[in-house]
Amino acid sequence: MDPATNDEIGKRVFQVFIGAFFYIFLVAKLIGSENKANWFKRRGNYTFFNRRGIFGEYINFGYPKTWQGILVFIAIYGVIFGFGYWYVFFY
């Protein structure tokens, strides 16, 4: 296996970033807004500097406050970091 160049690594990191966005969007869609509200605590006060757009607000989970939220957190970030690390450095 040939070592990847910096350009290839940069392209892979960008692909993982885009894939992660779609993966988080899919998980948010599967969980539903009611379960997200029950399992996660969202920020209470919004200012001009931390307001999100339409997609950012939809994929914003918040902080896990139940064991279901912790499992969803582990499932999201475990898959993203595990696949991303493999794809960027070993594929």
PDB file of N, CA and C in Angstrom:
ATOM      1  N   MET A   1       0.838  -1.174   0.000  1.00  0.00           N
ATOM      2  CA  MET A   1       0.000   0.000   0.000  1.00  0.00           C
ATOM      3  C   MET A   1       0.887   1.243   0.000  1.00  0.00           C
ATOM      4  N   ASP A   2       0.650   2.121  -0.932  1.00  0.00           N
ATOM      5  CA  ASP A   2       1.415   3.357  -1.032  1.00  0.00           C
ATOM      6  C   ASP A   2       0.913   4.362  -0.009  1.00  0.00           C
ATOM      7  N   PRO A   3       1.833   5.130   0.566  1.00  0.00           N
ATOM      8  CA  PRO A   3       1.368   6.168   1.495  1.00  0.00           C
ATOM      9  C   PRO A   3       0.584   7.241   0.743  1.00  0.00           C
ATOM     10  N   ALA A   4      -0.444   7.739   1.375  1.00  0.00           N
ATOM     11  CA  ALA A   4      -1.297   8.756   0.761  1.00  0.00           C
ATOM     12  C   ALA A   4      -0.611  10.112   0.806  1.00  0.00           C
ATOM     13  N   THR A   5      -0.832  10.907  -0.219  1.00  0.00           N
ATOM     14  CA  THR A   5      -0.282  12.256  -0.238  1.00  0.00           C
ATOM     15  C   THR A   5      -1.173  13.177   0.597  1.00  0.00           C
ATOM     16  N   ASN A   6      -0.653  14.353   0.876  1.00  0.00           N
ATOM     17  CA  ASN A   6      -1.426  15.322   1.657  1.00  0.00           C
ATOM     18  C   ASN A   6      -2.709  15.710   0.954  1.00  0.00           C
ATOM     19  N   ASP A   7      -2.680  15.781  -0.368  1.00  0.00           N
ATOM     20  CA  ASP A   7      -3.875  16.136  -1.133  1.00  0.00           C
ATOM     21  C   ASP A   7      -4.946  15.056  -0.995  1.00  0.00           C
ATOM     22  N   GLU A   8      -4.536  13.787  -1.046  1.00  0.00           N
ATOM     23  CA  GLU A   8      -5.493  12.688  -0.878  1.00  0.00           C
ATOM     24  C   GLU A   8      -6.078  12.668   0.522  1.00  0.00           C
ATOM     25  N   ILE A   9      -5.244  12.916   1.501  1.00  0.00           N
ATOM     26  CA  ILE A   9      -5.720  12.939   2.889  1.00  0.00           C
ATOM     27  C   ILE A   9      -6.713  14.085   3.081  1.00  0.00           C
ATOM     28  N   GLY A  10      -6.420  15.236   2.513  1.00  0.00           N
ATOM     29  CA  GLY A  10      -7.340  16.367   2.609  1.00  0.00           C
ATOM     30  C   GLY A  10      -8.690  16.069   1.972  1.00  0.00           C
ATOM     31  N   LYS A  11      -8.669  15.408   0.819  1.00  0.00           N
ATOM     32  CA  LYS A  11      -9.921  15.025   0.158  1.00  0.00           C
ATOM     33  C   LYS A  11     -10.703  14.035   1.003  1.00  0.00           C
ATOM     34  N   ARG A  12     -10.004  13.094   1.609  1.00  0.00           N
ATOM     35  CA  ARG A  12     -10.681  12.096   2.455  1.00  0.00           C
ATOM     36  C   ARG A  12     -11.285  12.729   3.701  1.00  0.00           C
ATOM     37  N   VAL A  13     -10.567  13.651   4.314  1.00  0.00           N
ATOM     38  CA  VAL A  13     -11.103  14.340   5.501  1.00  0.00           C
ATOM     39  C   VAL A  13     -12.362  15.114   5.125  1.00  0.00           C
ATOM     40  N   PHE A  14     -12.349  15.779   3.982  1.00  0.00           N
ATOM     41  CA  PHE A  14     -13.525  16.510   3.520  1.00  0.00           C
ATOM     42  C   PHE A  14     -14.689  15.556   3.251  1.00  0.00           C
ATOM     43  N   GLN A  15     -14.413  14.406   2.654  1.00  0.00           N
ATOM     44  CA  GLN A  15     -15.460  13.413   2.393  1.00  0.00           C
ATOM     45  C   GLN A  15     -16.046  12.873   3.686  1.00  0.00           C
ATOM     46  N   VAL A  16     -15.209  12.641   4.691  1.00  0.00           N
ATOM     47  CA  VAL A  16     -15.700  12.175   5.988  1.00  0.00           C
ATOM     48  C   VAL A  16     -16.565  13.257   6.633  1.00  0.00           C
ATOM     49  N   PHE A  17     -16.174  14.507   6.516  1.00  0.00           N
ATOM     50  CA  PHE A  17     -16.952  15.616   7.066  1.00  0.00           C
ATOM     51  C   PHE A  17     -18.339  15.674   6.440  1.00  0.00           C
ATOM     52  N   ILE A  18     -18.415  15.580   5.119  1.00  0.00           N
ATOM     53  CA  ILE A  18     -19.707  15.613   4.421  1.00  0.00           C
ATOM     54  C   ILE A  18     -20.531  14.381   4.788  1.00  0.00           C
ATOM     55  N   GLY A  19     -19.890  13.214   4.826  1.00  0.00           N
ATOM     56  CA  GLY A  19     -20.596  11.992   5.214  1.00  0.00           C
ATOM     57  C   GLY A  19     -21.124  12.059   6.639  1.00  0.00           C
ATOM     58  N   ALA A  20     -20.349  12.647   7.541  1.00  0.00           N
ATOM     59  CA  ALA A  20     -20.776  12.786   8.934  1.00  0.00           C
ATOM     60  C   ALA A  20     -22.007  13.677   9.043  1.00  0.00           C
ATOM     61  N   PHE A  21     -22.054  14.739   8.242  1.00  0.00           N
ATOM     62  CA  PHE A  21     -23.219  15.617   8.252  1.00  0.00           C
ATOM     63  C   PHE A  21     -24.477  14.840   7.863  1.00  0.00           C
ATOM     64  N   PHE A  22     -24.387  14.050   6.789  1.00  0.00           N
ATOM     65  CA  PHE A  22     -25.543  13.274   6.350  1.00  0.00           C
ATOM     66  C   PHE A  22     -25.897  12.163   7.341  1.00  0.00           C
ATOM     67  N   TYR A  23     -24.888  11.563   7.964  1.00  0.00           N
ATOM     68  CA  TYR A  23     -25.134  10.519   8.961  1.00  0.00           C
ATOM     69  C   TYR A  23     -25.856  11.090  10.182  1.00  0.00           C
ATOM     70  N   ILE A  24     -25.416  12.242  10.669  1.00  0.00           N
ATOM     71  CA  ILE A  24     -26.069  12.866  11.821  1.00  0.00           C
ATOM     72  C   ILE A  24     -27.489  13.286  11.456  1.00  0.00           C
ATOM     73  N   PHE A  25     -27.677  13.799  10.237  1.00  0.00           N
ATOM     74  CA  PHE A  25     -29.012  14.173   9.776  1.00  0.00           C
ATOM     75  C   PHE A  25     -29.925  12.946   9.745  1.00  0.00           C
ATOM     76  N   LEU A  26     -29.409  11.802   9.268  1.00  0.00           N
ATOM     77  CA  LEU A  26     -30.191  10.566   9.216  1.00  0.00           C
ATOM     78  C   LEU A  26     -30.550  10.078  10.618  1.00  0.00           C
ATOM     79  N   VAL A  27     -29.593  10.114  11.533  1.00  0.00           N
ATOM     80  CA  VAL A  27     -29.866   9.693  12.916  1.00  0.00           C
ATOM     81  C   VAL A  27     -30.911  10.598  13.552  1.00  0.00           C
ATOM     82  N   ALA A  28     -30.808  11.892  13.319  1.00  0.00           N
ATOM     83  CA  ALA A  28     -31.798  12.830  13.866  1.00  0.00           C
ATOM     84  C   ALA A  28     -33.181  12.535  13.307  1.00  0.00           C
ATOM     85  N   LYS A  29     -33.251  12.200  12.033  1.00  0.00           N
ATOM     86  CA  LYS A  29     -34.531  11.884  11.401  1.00  0.00           C
ATOM     87  C   LYS A  29     -35.110  10.592  11.980  1.00  0.00           C
ATOM     88  N   LEU A  30     -34.262   9.572  12.186  1.00  0.00           N
ATOM     89  CA  LEU A  30     -34.733   8.297  12.723  1.00  0.00           C
ATOM     90  C   LEU A  30     -35.180   8.399  14.177  1.00  0.00           C
ATOM     91  N   ILE A  31     -34.482   9.196  14.961  1.00  0.00           N
ATOM     92  CA  ILE A  31     -34.822   9.334  16.379  1.00  0.00           C
ATOM     93  C   ILE A  31     -36.107  10.140  16.549  1.00  0.00           C
ATOM     94  N   GLY A  32     -36.241  11.191  15.786  1.00  0.00           N
ATOM     95  CA  GLY A  32     -37.431  12.036  15.896  1.00  0.00           C
ATOM     96  C   GLY A  32     -37.240  13.147  16.910  1.00  0.00           C
ATOM     97  N   SER A  33     -38.003  14.200  16.738  1.00  0.00           N
ATOM     98  CA  SER A  33     -37.824  15.377  17.596  1.00  0.00           C
ATOM     99  C   SER A  33     -38.305  15.141  19.024  1.00  0.00           C
ATOM    100  N   GLU A  34     -39.311  14.280  19.204  1.00  0.00           N
ATOM    101  CA  GLU A  34     -39.812  14.028  20.558  1.00  0.00           C
ATOM    102  C   GLU A  34     -38.774  13.283  21.398  1.00  0.00           C
ATOM    103  N   ASN A  35     -38.147  12.255  20.837  1.00  0.00           N
ATOM    104  CA  ASN A  35     -37.109  11.534  21.576  1.00  0.00           C
ATOM    105  C   ASN A  35     -35.884  12.413  21.805  1.00  0.00           C
ATOM    106  N   LYS A  36     -35.537  13.235  20.823  1.00  0.00           N
ATOM    107  CA  LYS A  36     -34.417  14.155  21.026  1.00  0.00           C
ATOM    108  C   LYS A  36     -34.706  15.082  22.194  1.00  0.00           C
ATOM    109  N   ALA A  37     -35.926  15.561  22.307  1.00  0.00           N
ATOM    110  CA  ALA A  37     -36.286  16.465  23.405  1.00  0.00           C
ATOM    111  C   ALA A  37     -36.238  15.756  24.744  1.00  0.00           C
ATOM    112  N   ASN A  38     -36.593  14.470  24.772  1.00  0.00           N
ATOM    113  CA  ASN A  38     -36.587  13.710  26.021  1.00  0.00           C
ATOM    114  C   ASN A  38     -35.192  13.253  26.423  1.00  0.00           C
ATOM    115  N   TRP A  39     -34.357  12.935  25.465  1.00  0.00           N
ATOM    116  CA  TRP A  39     -33.052  12.331  25.745  1.00  0.00           C
ATOM    117  C   TRP A  39     -31.913  13.336  25.848  1.00  0.00           C
ATOM    118  N   PHE A  40     -32.109  14.544  25.316  1.00  0.00           N
ATOM    119  CA  PHE A  40     -31.031  15.531  25.279  1.00  0.00           C
ATOM    120  C   PHE A  40     -31.510  16.861  25.843  1.00  0.00           C
ATOM    121  N   LYS A  41     -30.571  17.592  26.455  1.00  0.00           N
ATOM    122  CA  LYS A  41     -30.860  18.928  26.983  1.00  0.00           C
ATOM    123  C   LYS A  41     -30.243  19.938  26.034  1.00  0.00           C
ATOM    124  N   ARG A  42     -31.065  20.842  25.560  1.00  0.00           N
ATOM    125  CA  ARG A  42     -30.594  21.856  24.619  1.00  0.00           C
ATOM    126  C   ARG A  42     -30.300  23.154  25.343  1.00  0.00           C
ATOM    127  N   ARG A  43     -29.569  24.002  24.687  1.00  0.00           N
ATOM    128  CA  ARG A  43     -29.213  25.309  25.234  1.00  0.00           C
ATOM    129  C   ARG A  43     -30.479  26.137  25.455  1.00  0.00           C
ATOM    130  N   GLY A  44     -30.551  26.819  26.558  1.00  0.00           N
ATOM    131  CA  GLY A  44     -31.736  27.597  26.873  1.00  0.00           C
ATOM    132  C   GLY A  44     -31.707  29.011  26.337  1.00  0.00           C
ATOM    133  N   ASN A  45     -30.556  29.644  26.375  1.00  0.00           N
ATOM    134  CA  ASN A  45     -30.492  31.040  25.926  1.00  0.00           C
ATOM    135  C   ASN A  45     -29.656  31.124  24.647  1.00  0.00           C
ATOM    136  N   TYR A  46     -30.235  31.731  23.638  1.00  0.00           N
ATOM    137  CA  TYR A  46     -29.548  31.922  22.372  1.00  0.00           C
ATOM    138  C   TYR A  46     -29.215  33.395  22.198  1.00  0.00           C
ATOM    139  N   THR A  47     -28.011  33.641  21.733  1.00  0.00           N
ATOM    140  CA  THR A  47     -27.593  34.994  21.402  1.00  0.00           C
ATOM    141  C   THR A  47     -27.297  35.052  19.911  1.00  0.00           C
ATOM    142  N   PHE A  48     -26.914  36.197  19.448  1.00  0.00           N
ATOM    143  CA  PHE A  48     -26.579  36.370  18.044  1.00  0.00           C
ATOM    144  C   PHE A  48     -25.418  35.460  17.637  1.00  0.00           C
ATOM    145  N   PHE A  49     -24.481  35.220  18.543  1.00  0.00           N
ATOM    146  CA  PHE A  49     -23.263  34.483  18.210  1.00  0.00           C
ATOM    147  C   PHE A  49     -23.429  32.969  18.206  1.00  0.00           C
ATOM    148  N   ASN A  50     -24.438  32.433  18.859  1.00  0.00           N
ATOM    149  CA  ASN A  50     -24.591  30.976  18.882  1.00  0.00           C
ATOM    150  C   ASN A  50     -25.897  30.510  18.239  1.00  0.00           C
ATOM    151  N   ARG A  51     -26.531  31.324  17.456  1.00  0.00           N
ATOM    152  CA  ARG A  51     -27.740  30.928  16.740  1.00  0.00           C
ATOM    153  C   ARG A  51     -27.346  30.094  15.526  1.00  0.00           C
ATOM    154  N   ARG A  52     -28.151  29.085  15.212  1.00  0.00           N
ATOM    155  CA  ARG A  52     -27.858  28.184  14.107  1.00  0.00           C
ATOM    156  C   ARG A  52     -28.862  28.379  12.985  1.00  0.00           C
ATOM    157  N   GLY A  53     -28.488  27.854  11.816  1.00  0.00           N
ATOM    158  CA  GLY A  53     -29.386  27.887  10.670  1.00  0.00           C
ATOM    159  C   GLY A  53     -30.360  26.725  10.723  1.00  0.00           C
ATOM    160  N   ILE A  54     -31.100  26.524   9.646  1.00  0.00           N
ATOM    161  CA  ILE A  54     -32.154  25.509   9.627  1.00  0.00           C
ATOM    162  C   ILE A  54     -31.577  24.094   9.771  1.00  0.00           C
ATOM    163  N   PHE A  55     -30.509  23.772   9.058  1.00  0.00           N
ATOM    164  CA  PHE A  55     -29.925  22.432   9.160  1.00  0.00           C
ATOM    165  C   PHE A  55     -29.174  22.257  10.470  1.00  0.00           C
ATOM    166  N   GLY A  56     -28.497  23.293  10.912  1.00  0.00           N
ATOM    167  CA  GLY A  56     -27.774  23.217  12.174  1.00  0.00           C
ATOM    168  C   GLY A  56     -28.701  23.016  13.355  1.00  0.00           C
ATOM    169  N   GLU A  57     -29.864  23.619  13.305  1.00  0.00           N
ATOM    170  CA  GLU A  57     -30.824  23.457  14.397  1.00  0.00           C
ATOM    171  C   GLU A  57     -31.437  22.061  14.383  1.00  0.00           C
ATOM    172  N   TYR A  58     -31.640  21.511  13.199  1.00  0.00           N
ATOM    173  CA  TYR A  58     -32.240  20.176  13.093  1.00  0.00           C
ATOM    174  C   TYR A  58     -31.282  19.092  13.587  1.00  0.00           C
ATOM    175  N   ILE A  59     -29.979  19.223  13.298  1.00  0.00           N
ATOM    176  CA  ILE A  59     -29.030  18.196  13.717  1.00  0.00           C
ATOM    177  C   ILE A  59     -28.415  18.489  15.081  1.00  0.00           C
ATOM    178  N   ASN A  60     -28.842  19.568  15.726  1.00  0.00           N
ATOM    179  CA  ASN A  60     -28.354  19.886  17.058  1.00  0.00           C
ATOM    180  C   ASN A  60     -29.071  18.999  18.074  1.00  0.00           C
ATOM    181  N   PHE A  61     -28.324  18.115  18.718  1.00  0.00           N
ATOM    182  CA  PHE A  61     -28.902  17.226  19.712  1.00  0.00           C
ATOM    183  C   PHE A  61     -28.865  17.847  21.098  1.00  0.00           C
ATOM    184  N   GLY A  62     -27.772  18.476  21.458  1.00  0.00           N
ATOM    185  CA  GLY A  62     -27.610  19.009  22.792  1.00  0.00           C
ATOM    186  C   GLY A  62     -26.770  18.068  23.642  1.00  0.00           C
ATOM    187  N   TYR A  63     -26.935  18.157  24.948  1.00  0.00           N
ATOM    188  CA  TYR A  63     -26.178  17.322  25.872  1.00  0.00           C
ATOM    189  C   TYR A  63     -27.031  16.125  26.284  1.00  0.00           C
ATOM    190  N   PRO A  64     -26.459  14.907  26.276  1.00  0.00           N
ATOM    191  CA  PRO A  64     -27.266  13.752  26.701  1.00  0.00           C
ATOM    192  C   PRO A  64     -27.630  13.864  28.176  1.00  0.00           C
ATOM    193  N   LYS A  65     -28.909  13.584  28.482  1.00  0.00           N
ATOM    194  CA  LYS A  65     -29.340  13.635  29.880  1.00  0.00           C
ATOM    195  C   LYS A  65     -29.930  12.311  30.346  1.00  0.00           C
ATOM    196  N   THR A  66     -30.061  11.326  29.459  1.00  0.00           N
ATOM    197  CA  THR A  66     -30.530   9.993  29.828  1.00  0.00           C
ATOM    198  C   THR A  66     -29.570   8.964  29.247  1.00  0.00           C
ATOM    199  N   TRP A  67     -29.759   7.715  29.647  1.00  0.00           N
ATOM    200  CA  TRP A  67     -28.882   6.671  29.118  1.00  0.00           C
ATOM    201  C   TRP A  67     -29.127   6.452  27.626  1.00  0.00           C
ATOM    202  N   GLN A  68     -30.339   6.706  27.144  1.00  0.00           N
ATOM    203  CA  GLN A  68     -30.599   6.596  25.714  1.00  0.00           C
ATOM    204  C   GLN A  68     -29.817   7.669  24.949  1.00  0.00           C
ATOM    205  N   GLY A  69     -29.750   8.855  25.519  1.00  0.00           N
ATOM    206  CA  GLY A  69     -28.972   9.925  24.901  1.00  0.00           C
ATOM    207  C   GLY A  69     -27.491   9.595  24.847  1.00  0.00           C
ATOM    208  N   ILE A  70     -26.983   8.972  25.905  1.00  0.00           N
ATOM    209  CA  ILE A  70     -25.573   8.573  25.914  1.00  0.00           C
ATOM    210  C   ILE A  70     -25.315   7.503  24.856  1.00  0.00           C
ATOM    211  N   LEU A  71     -26.230   6.549  24.698  1.00  0.00           N
ATOM    212  CA  LEU A  71     -26.069   5.526  23.660  1.00  0.00           C
ATOM    213  C   LEU A  71     -26.099   6.132  22.261  1.00  0.00           C
ATOM    214  N   VAL A  72     -26.987   7.078  22.035  1.00  0.00           N
ATOM    215  CA  VAL A  72     -27.048   7.747  20.730  1.00  0.00           C
ATOM    216  C   VAL A  72     -25.759   8.528  20.498  1.00  0.00           C
ATOM    217  N   PHE A  73     -25.268   9.218  21.516  1.00  0.00           N
ATOM    218  CA  PHE A  73     -24.012   9.958  21.414  1.00  0.00           C
ATOM    219  C   PHE A  73     -22.864   9.025  21.031  1.00  0.00           C
ATOM    220  N   ILE A  74     -22.767   7.887  21.708  1.00  0.00           N
ATOM    221  CA  ILE A  74     -21.697   6.917  21.411  1.00  0.00           C
ATOM    222  C   ILE A  74     -21.856   6.356  20.002  1.00  0.00           C
ATOM    223  N   ALA A  75     -23.101   6.077  19.601  1.00  0.00           N
ATOM    224  CA  ALA A  75     -23.337   5.540  18.257  1.00  0.00           C
ATOM    225  C   ALA A  75     -22.952   6.554  17.182  1.00  0.00           C
ATOM    226  N   ILE A  76     -23.280   7.809  17.393  1.00  0.00           N
ATOM    227  CA  ILE A  76     -22.949   8.828  16.390  1.00  0.00           C
ATOM    228  C   ILE A  76     -21.439   9.031  16.308  1.00  0.00           C
ATOM    229  N   TYR A  77     -20.824   9.372  17.422  1.00  0.00           N
ATOM    230  CA  TYR A  77     -19.411   9.725  17.376  1.00  0.00           C
ATOM    231  C   TYR A  77     -18.501   8.509  17.236  1.00  0.00           C
ATOM    232  N   GLY A  78     -18.921   7.367  17.720  1.00  0.00           N
ATOM    233  CA  GLY A  78     -18.128   6.157  17.518  1.00  0.00           C
ATOM    234  C   GLY A  78     -18.027   5.786  16.056  1.00  0.00           C
ATOM    235  N   VAL A  79     -19.144   5.840  15.360  1.00  0.00           N
ATOM    236  CA  VAL A  79     -19.146   5.517  13.934  1.00  0.00           C
ATOM    237  C   VAL A  79     -18.361   6.562  13.145  1.00  0.00           C
ATOM    238  N   ILE A  80     -18.578   7.826  13.432  1.00  0.00           N
ATOM    239  CA  ILE A  80     -17.887   8.875  12.672  1.00  0.00           C
ATOM    240  C   ILE A  80     -16.377   8.797  12.884  1.00  0.00           C
ATOM    241  N   PHE A  81     -15.924   8.720  14.128  1.00  0.00           N
ATOM    242  CA  PHE A  81     -14.489   8.692  14.376  1.00  0.00           C
ATOM    243  C   PHE A  81     -13.868   7.369  13.948  1.00  0.00           C
ATOM    244  N   GLY A  82     -14.572   6.257  14.176  1.00  0.00           N
ATOM    245  CA  GLY A  82     -14.029   4.963  13.764  1.00  0.00           C
ATOM    246  C   GLY A  82     -13.893   4.854  12.259  1.00  0.00           C
ATOM    247  N   PHE A  83     -14.971   5.146  11.537  1.00  0.00           N
ATOM    248  CA  PHE A  83     -14.915   5.087  10.080  1.00  0.00           C
ATOM    249  C   PHE A  83     -13.971   6.149   9.528  1.00  0.00           C
ATOM    250  N   GLY A  84     -14.034   7.356  10.072  1.00  0.00           N
ATOM    251  CA  GLY A  84     -13.184   8.436   9.583  1.00  0.00           C
ATOM    252  C   GLY A  84     -11.709   8.123   9.736  1.00  0.00           C
ATOM    253  N   TYR A  85     -11.321   7.590  10.877  1.00  0.00           N
ATOM    254  CA  TYR A  85      -9.914   7.239  11.104  1.00  0.00           C
ATOM    255  C   TYR A  85      -9.471   6.166  10.133  1.00  0.00           C
ATOM    256  N   TRP A  86     -10.305   5.148   9.964  1.00  0.00           N
ATOM    257  CA  TRP A  86      -9.963   4.065   9.016  1.00  0.00           C
ATOM    258  C   TRP A  86      -9.869   4.603   7.596  1.00  0.00           C
ATOM    259  N   TYR A  87     -10.855   5.398   7.183  1.00  0.00           N
ATOM    260  CA  TYR A  87     -10.901   5.879   5.800  1.00  0.00           C
ATOM    261  C   TYR A  87      -9.760   6.837   5.485  1.00  0.00           C
ATOM    262  N   VAL A  88      -9.410   7.700   6.420  1.00  0.00           N
ATOM    263  CA  VAL A  88      -8.363   8.682   6.151  1.00  0.00           C
ATOM    264  C   VAL A  88      -6.987   8.048   6.174  1.00  0.00           C
ATOM    265  N   PHE A  89      -6.717   7.172   7.122  1.00  0.00           N
ATOM    266  CA  PHE A  89      -5.345   6.686   7.308  1.00  0.00           C
ATOM    267  C   PHE A  89      -5.062   5.282   6.780  1.00  0.00           C
ATOM    268  N   PHE A  90      -6.094   4.455   6.599  1.00  0.00           N
ATOM    269  CA  PHE A  90      -5.814   3.072   6.220  1.00  0.00           C
ATOM    270  C   PHE A  90      -6.445   2.633   4.907  1.00  0.00           C
ATOM    271  N   TYR A  91      -7.324   3.404   4.319  1.00  0.00           N
ATOM    272  CA  TYR A  91      -7.991   2.984   3.092  1.00  0.00           C
ATOM    273  C   TYR A  91      -7.113   3.198   1.898  1.00  0.00           C
TER     274      TYR A  91
END
